[in-house]
Every structure is written in structure tokens, then in C-alpha cells.
Amino acid sequence: VISHDLTSGHSYERIVAACEAAGRQREAMQWAERGLKAHPDWRGMRPLLARQYERAGLTDESLELYWQDFQRQHTVETWQALKNSAGQQWSRLRTRALEDVSRRERALPDGRRDASLRTGLLIADHDFDAARVLAEQHEIAPELLDSLAQQIATTHPESAAGLLQRFVNASLPRCQP
């Protein structure tokens, strides 16, 4: 019934879920493959197929799909999915992913870069030292300044104070009198 209308990736997601619920793993993977082919831009199709490949033991294929998904959408969610799938390869992929994000950062007139995304990924990875160094060298979003300052307050109180000062300076102009 669901397969009568395959005009969106959502239909494929529902079919894959129905196949999984029925214990039909091979069919679930086939429908996920068809879904990616039919709707390559549908946000959830790559991770859906990657999970099917993982279940089938096709780890290299799964990891490649997670990498493609991260390249298409640099988010904490795609970063975490890539990390969870990478296993022993995480160190290499992490470096590659951070370099990819860095290349896409917007240059600012003062020579710094907007490193908000990279800093957010480092915070998500609990690499607060690297995030601190990056935040001290580049511009980052005010909410990240606050979050990072809280994380490093006990280990680097001077840096935390500087980040909080930047947070206040960035936030004050938005306040109403």
C-alpha cells in the first residue's frame, strides 16, 4: 500500500521501517537503496541506507554514506553519526572532517574566520582544549562562547573569563533598554 506513492523519501522510510518490523532485513536494505537512488537529496536517505549497510556488515559502504551525509550537511548530528560509525578510523576521519569544515569557513575582514561550526563540533566531541584554542583565535557564535566558557571555567579560568566577556559584548547590543 505504501509503495503506491513513492514521490518522497518519507514513503521509502516507511517501507524500510515496515520491512524491519517484519524481520525482512534484505528487503529493507533494497528499499533503502531504491530510496536513495530515487531521492538523493532527501535528508534522511543516506543515514537510512547507512544503517542498513551496518546491519548487513557492510561497514565501508556505511561509513562512506555517513561521510557523504556529513559533507552535504555539516551539523553536530551528522558529525556524531560519522563518529559512531567510524570506529578505529575516527581519528583520521575527524581530522579530514575538521579540515573540510575549516575550508568552508567564512573569512572576516579582520583576517579571522567564523569558526562557529568547527568549535561546536569540537565541543560535541568533548575536545574543550582544541575548542578553546580555536575560540581564542577566531570568531564564534555567542552561544558557543557561553557554553565553552562553562566547560573550561575550572581548567582555564582566564580563558573562560575572556570568552564570557566576548559573550557579553556580543549580547549587549541585542538587549532592549
C-alpha atoms as a PDB file:
ATOM      1  CA  VAL A   1       0.000   0.000   0.000  1.00  0.00           C
ATOM      2  CA  ILE A   2       2.752   2.434   0.942  1.00  0.00           C
ATOM      3  CA  SER A   3       4.640   1.741  -2.295  1.00  0.00           C
ATOM      4  CA  HIS A   4       1.808   3.151  -4.417  1.00  0.00           C
ATOM      5  CA  ASP A   5       3.107   6.678  -3.777  1.00  0.00           C
ATOM      6  CA  LEU A   6       6.882   6.939  -3.881  1.00  0.00           C
ATOM      7  CA  THR A   7       7.048  10.669  -4.552  1.00  0.00           C
ATOM      8  CA  SER A   8       9.004  11.402  -1.378  1.00  0.00           C
ATOM      9  CA  GLY A   9      11.730   9.881   0.695  1.00  0.00           C
ATOM     10  CA  HIS A  10       9.265   9.610   3.548  1.00  0.00           C
ATOM     11  CA  SER A  11       7.453   6.788   1.727  1.00  0.00           C
ATOM     12  CA  TYR A  12      10.695   4.855   1.414  1.00  0.00           C
ATOM     13  CA  GLU A  13      11.440   5.438   5.088  1.00  0.00           C
ATOM     14  CA  ARG A  14       8.041   3.989   5.995  1.00  0.00           C
ATOM     15  CA  ILE A  15       8.573   0.950   3.766  1.00  0.00           C
ATOM     16  CA  VAL A  16      12.023   0.304   5.262  1.00  0.00           C
ATOM     17  CA  ALA A  17      10.533   0.549   8.760  1.00  0.00           C
ATOM     18  CA  ALA A  18       7.745  -1.879   7.818  1.00  0.00           C
ATOM     19  CA  CYS A  19      10.255  -4.354   6.372  1.00  0.00           C
ATOM     20  CA  GLU A  20      12.397  -4.097   9.511  1.00  0.00           C
ATOM     21  CA  ALA A  21       9.385  -4.652  11.749  1.00  0.00           C
ATOM     22  CA  ALA A  22       8.567  -7.794   9.756  1.00  0.00           C
ATOM     23  CA  GLY A  23      12.137  -9.053  10.077  1.00  0.00           C
ATOM     24  CA  ARG A  24      12.782  -8.667   6.350  1.00  0.00           C
ATOM     25  CA  GLN A  25      16.234  -7.084   6.541  1.00  0.00           C
ATOM     26  CA  ARG A  26      17.264  -7.793   2.968  1.00  0.00           C
ATOM     27  CA  GLU A  27      14.136  -6.121   1.599  1.00  0.00           C
ATOM     28  CA  ALA A  28      14.630  -3.192   3.974  1.00  0.00           C
ATOM     29  CA  MET A  29      18.110  -2.654   2.537  1.00  0.00           C
ATOM     30  CA  GLN A  30      16.820  -2.926  -1.032  1.00  0.00           C
ATOM     31  CA  TRP A  31      14.116  -0.341  -0.367  1.00  0.00           C
ATOM     32  CA  ALA A  32      16.644   1.972   1.263  1.00  0.00           C
ATOM     33  CA  GLU A  33      18.886   1.644  -1.808  1.00  0.00           C
ATOM     34  CA  ARG A  34      15.948   2.421  -4.097  1.00  0.00           C
ATOM     35  CA  GLY A  35      15.003   5.356  -1.897  1.00  0.00           C
ATOM     36  CA  LEU A  36      18.471   6.911  -2.129  1.00  0.00           C
ATOM     37  CA  LYS A  37      18.514   6.421  -5.874  1.00  0.00           C
ATOM     38  CA  ALA A  38      15.055   7.994  -6.274  1.00  0.00           C
ATOM     39  CA  HIS A  39      15.537  10.791  -3.712  1.00  0.00           C
ATOM     40  CA  PRO A  40      19.257  11.521  -3.302  1.00  0.00           C
ATOM     41  CA  ASP A  41      18.527  14.921  -1.760  1.00  0.00           C
ATOM     42  CA  TRP A  42      16.078  13.630   0.856  1.00  0.00           C
ATOM     43  CA  ARG A  43      17.695  14.440   4.199  1.00  0.00           C
ATOM     44  CA  GLY A  44      17.335  11.051   5.843  1.00  0.00           C
ATOM     45  CA  MET A  45      18.073   8.692   2.956  1.00  0.00           C
ATOM     46  CA  ARG A  46      21.852   8.345   3.346  1.00  0.00           C
ATOM     47  CA  PRO A  47      21.705   7.609   7.082  1.00  0.00           C
ATOM     48  CA  LEU A  48      18.801   5.224   6.472  1.00  0.00           C
ATOM     49  CA  LEU A  49      20.789   3.231   3.936  1.00  0.00           C
ATOM     50  CA  ALA A  50      23.956   3.501   6.047  1.00  0.00           C
ATOM     51  CA  ARG A  51      22.139   1.843   8.966  1.00  0.00           C
ATOM     52  CA  GLN A  52      21.004  -0.953   6.661  1.00  0.00           C
ATOM     53  CA  TYR A  53      24.562  -1.461   5.432  1.00  0.00           C
ATOM     54  CA  GLU A  54      25.835  -1.516   9.017  1.00  0.00           C
ATOM     55  CA  ARG A  55      23.314  -4.179   9.897  1.00  0.00           C
ATOM     56  CA  ALA A  56      24.452  -6.226   6.899  1.00  0.00           C
ATOM     57  CA  GLY A  57      28.106  -5.889   7.902  1.00  0.00           C
ATOM     58  CA  LEU A  58      28.983  -3.556   5.003  1.00  0.00           C
ATOM     59  CA  THR A  59      30.913  -1.160   7.215  1.00  0.00           C
ATOM     60  CA  ASP A  60      32.987   0.538   4.500  1.00  0.00           C
ATOM     61  CA  GLU A  61      29.888   1.306   2.443  1.00  0.00           C
ATOM     62  CA  SER A  62      28.080   2.525   5.533  1.00  0.00           C
ATOM     63  CA  LEU A  63      30.938   4.782   6.561  1.00  0.00           C
ATOM     64  CA  GLU A  64      31.114   6.279   3.058  1.00  0.00           C
ATOM     65  CA  LEU A  65      27.413   7.173   3.237  1.00  0.00           C
ATOM     66  CA  TYR A  66      27.865   8.830   6.632  1.00  0.00           C
ATOM     67  CA  TRP A  67      30.823  10.764   5.210  1.00  0.00           C
ATOM     68  CA  GLN A  68      28.733  11.918   2.238  1.00  0.00           C
ATOM     69  CA  ASP A  69      25.945  12.951   4.584  1.00  0.00           C
ATOM     70  CA  PHE A  70      28.381  14.982   6.705  1.00  0.00           C
ATOM     71  CA  GLN A  71      29.811  16.691   3.619  1.00  0.00           C
ATOM     72  CA  ARG A  72      26.328  17.617   2.438  1.00  0.00           C
ATOM     73  CA  GLN A  73      25.261  18.936   5.841  1.00  0.00           C
ATOM     74  CA  HIS A  74      27.848  19.933   8.390  1.00  0.00           C
ATOM     75  CA  THR A  75      25.883  19.513  11.610  1.00  0.00           C
ATOM     76  CA  VAL A  76      26.538  18.098  15.041  1.00  0.00           C
ATOM     77  CA  GLU A  77      24.097  15.288  14.192  1.00  0.00           C
ATOM     78  CA  THR A  78      25.929  14.216  11.029  1.00  0.00           C
ATOM     79  CA  TRP A  79      29.248  14.570  12.912  1.00  0.00           C
ATOM     80  CA  GLN A  80      28.009  12.233  15.663  1.00  0.00           C
ATOM     81  CA  ALA A  81      26.691   9.695  13.146  1.00  0.00           C
ATOM     82  CA  LEU A  82      30.043   9.721  11.351  1.00  0.00           C
ATOM     83  CA  LYS A  83      31.894   9.335  14.639  1.00  0.00           C
ATOM     84  CA  ASN A  84      29.674   6.474  15.803  1.00  0.00           C
ATOM     85  CA  SER A  85      30.198   4.644  12.534  1.00  0.00           C
ATOM     86  CA  ALA A  86      33.933   5.295  12.152  1.00  0.00           C
ATOM     87  CA  GLY A  87      35.263   3.135  14.973  1.00  0.00           C
ATOM     88  CA  GLN A  88      39.057   2.828  14.654  1.00  0.00           C
ATOM     89  CA  GLN A  89      39.057   5.214  11.682  1.00  0.00           C
ATOM     90  CA  TRP A  90      37.653   8.118  13.705  1.00  0.00           C
ATOM     91  CA  SER A  91      40.966   9.884  14.283  1.00  0.00           C
ATOM     92  CA  ARG A  92      41.700  10.048  10.550  1.00  0.00           C
ATOM     93  CA  LEU A  93      38.130  10.973   9.604  1.00  0.00           C
ATOM     94  CA  ARG A  94      37.899  13.553  12.377  1.00  0.00           C
ATOM     95  CA  THR A  95      40.953  15.361  11.021  1.00  0.00           C
ATOM     96  CA  ARG A  96      39.581  15.169   7.487  1.00  0.00           C
ATOM     97  CA  ALA A  97      36.153  16.423   8.584  1.00  0.00           C
ATOM     98  CA  LEU A  98      37.570  19.353  10.544  1.00  0.00           C
ATOM     99  CA  GLU A  99      39.744  20.320   7.575  1.00  0.00           C
ATOM    100  CA  ASP A 100      36.676  20.173   5.313  1.00  0.00           C
ATOM    101  CA  VAL A 101      34.720  22.434   7.667  1.00  0.00           C
ATOM    102  CA  SER A 102      37.679  24.793   8.013  1.00  0.00           C
ATOM    103  CA  ARG A 103      37.969  25.232   4.245  1.00  0.00           C
ATOM    104  CA  ARG A 104      34.336  26.335   4.100  1.00  0.00           C
ATOM    105  CA  GLU A 105      34.530  28.884   6.901  1.00  0.00           C
ATOM    106  CA  ARG A 106      33.697  32.476   6.082  1.00  0.00           C
ATOM    107  CA  ALA A 107      36.673  34.840   6.184  1.00  0.00           C
ATOM    108  CA  LEU A 108      36.145  38.016   8.176  1.00  0.00           C
ATOM    109  CA  PRO A 109      37.540  41.463   7.304  1.00  0.00           C
ATOM    110  CA  ASP A 110      39.991  41.346  10.213  1.00  0.00           C
ATOM    111  CA  GLY A 111      41.651  38.179   8.893  1.00  0.00           C
ATOM    112  CA  ARG A 112      39.962  35.813  11.323  1.00  0.00           C
ATOM    113  CA  ARG A 113      37.354  33.275  10.341  1.00  0.00           C
ATOM    114  CA  ASP A 114      33.897  32.412  11.614  1.00  0.00           C
ATOM    115  CA  ALA A 115      34.817  29.116  13.270  1.00  0.00           C
ATOM    116  CA  SER A 116      31.473  28.559  14.983  1.00  0.00           C
ATOM    117  CA  LEU A 117      30.724  25.225  13.378  1.00  0.00           C
ATOM    118  CA  ARG A 118      34.196  23.819  13.923  1.00  0.00           C
ATOM    119  CA  THR A 119      34.109  24.954  17.555  1.00  0.00           C
ATOM    120  CA  GLY A 120      30.668  23.392  18.015  1.00  0.00           C
ATOM    121  CA  LEU A 121      31.918  20.091  16.616  1.00  0.00           C
ATOM    122  CA  LEU A 122      34.905  20.131  18.955  1.00  0.00           C
ATOM    123  CA  ILE A 123      32.623  20.847  21.913  1.00  0.00           C
ATOM    124  CA  ALA A 124      30.356  17.967  20.841  1.00  0.00           C
ATOM    125  CA  ASP A 125      33.465  15.784  20.752  1.00  0.00           C
ATOM    126  CA  HIS A 126      34.399  16.961  24.291  1.00  0.00           C
ATOM    127  CA  ASP A 127      37.682  18.362  22.953  1.00  0.00           C
ATOM    128  CA  PHE A 128      37.421  21.526  25.004  1.00  0.00           C
ATOM    129  CA  ASP A 129      41.104  22.403  24.766  1.00  0.00           C
ATOM    130  CA  ALA A 130      41.053  22.471  20.966  1.00  0.00           C
ATOM    131  CA  ALA A 131      37.745  24.363  21.038  1.00  0.00           C
ATOM    132  CA  ARG A 132      39.260  26.911  23.463  1.00  0.00           C
ATOM    133  CA  VAL A 133      42.307  27.496  21.256  1.00  0.00           C
ATOM    134  CA  LEU A 134      40.087  27.910  18.208  1.00  0.00           C
ATOM    135  CA  ALA A 135      37.719  30.275  20.022  1.00  0.00           C
ATOM    136  CA  GLU A 136      40.626  32.420  21.177  1.00  0.00           C
ATOM    137  CA  GLN A 137      41.891  32.785  17.606  1.00  0.00           C
ATOM    138  CA  HIS A 138      38.641  33.168  15.651  1.00  0.00           C
ATOM    139  CA  GLU A 139      35.118  34.489  15.827  1.00  0.00           C
ATOM    140  CA  ILE A 140      32.468  32.115  17.133  1.00  0.00           C
ATOM    141  CA  ALA A 141      28.758  32.419  17.849  1.00  0.00           C
ATOM    142  CA  PRO A 142      27.883  33.990  21.226  1.00  0.00           C
ATOM    143  CA  GLU A 143      26.023  30.912  22.497  1.00  0.00           C
ATOM    144  CA  LEU A 144      29.156  28.830  21.900  1.00  0.00           C
ATOM    145  CA  LEU A 145      31.258  31.360  23.801  1.00  0.00           C
ATOM    146  CA  ASP A 146      28.997  30.911  26.816  1.00  0.00           C
ATOM    147  CA  SER A 147      28.855  27.116  26.511  1.00  0.00           C
ATOM    148  CA  LEU A 148      32.606  26.744  26.100  1.00  0.00           C
ATOM    149  CA  ALA A 149      33.334  29.154  28.956  1.00  0.00           C
ATOM    150  CA  GLN A 150      31.249  26.990  31.280  1.00  0.00           C
ATOM    151  CA  GLN A 151      33.130  23.861  30.176  1.00  0.00           C
ATOM    152  CA  ILE A 152      36.604  25.313  30.743  1.00  0.00           C
ATOM    153  CA  ALA A 153      35.940  27.508  33.774  1.00  0.00           C
ATOM    154  CA  THR A 154      37.777  25.231  36.215  1.00  0.00           C
ATOM    155  CA  THR A 155      40.684  24.259  33.948  1.00  0.00           C
ATOM    156  CA  HIS A 156      41.269  27.621  32.202  1.00  0.00           C
ATOM    157  CA  PRO A 157      39.570  30.348  34.257  1.00  0.00           C
ATOM    158  CA  GLU A 158      41.304  33.242  32.471  1.00  0.00           C
ATOM    159  CA  SER A 159      40.244  31.976  29.070  1.00  0.00           C
ATOM    160  CA  ALA A 160      36.720  31.370  30.338  1.00  0.00           C
ATOM    161  CA  ALA A 161      36.551  34.955  31.599  1.00  0.00           C
ATOM    162  CA  GLY A 162      37.704  36.250  28.221  1.00  0.00           C
ATOM    163  CA  LEU A 163      35.103  34.165  26.417  1.00  0.00           C
ATOM    164  CA  LEU A 164      32.379  35.389  28.777  1.00  0.00           C
ATOM    165  CA  GLN A 165      33.462  38.988  28.139  1.00  0.00           C
ATOM    166  CA  ARG A 166      33.124  38.389  24.399  1.00  0.00           C
ATOM    167  CA  PHE A 167      29.713  36.797  25.028  1.00  0.00           C
ATOM    168  CA  VAL A 168      28.528  39.855  26.963  1.00  0.00           C
ATOM    169  CA  ASN A 169      29.909  42.248  24.339  1.00  0.00           C
ATOM    170  CA  ALA A 170      28.118  40.335  21.585  1.00  0.00           C
ATOM    171  CA  SER A 171      24.855  40.065  23.537  1.00  0.00           C
ATOM    172  CA  LEU A 172      24.503  43.611  24.902  1.00  0.00           C
ATOM    173  CA  PRO A 173      23.659  45.293  21.580  1.00  0.00           C
ATOM    174  CA  ARG A 174      20.690  42.942  21.194  1.00  0.00           C
ATOM    175  CA  CYS A 175      19.240  43.857  24.599  1.00  0.00           C
ATOM    176  CA  GLN A 176      16.317  46.272  24.798  1.00  0.00           C
ATOM    177  CA  PRO A 177      16.623  49.171  27.319  1.00  0.00           C
END
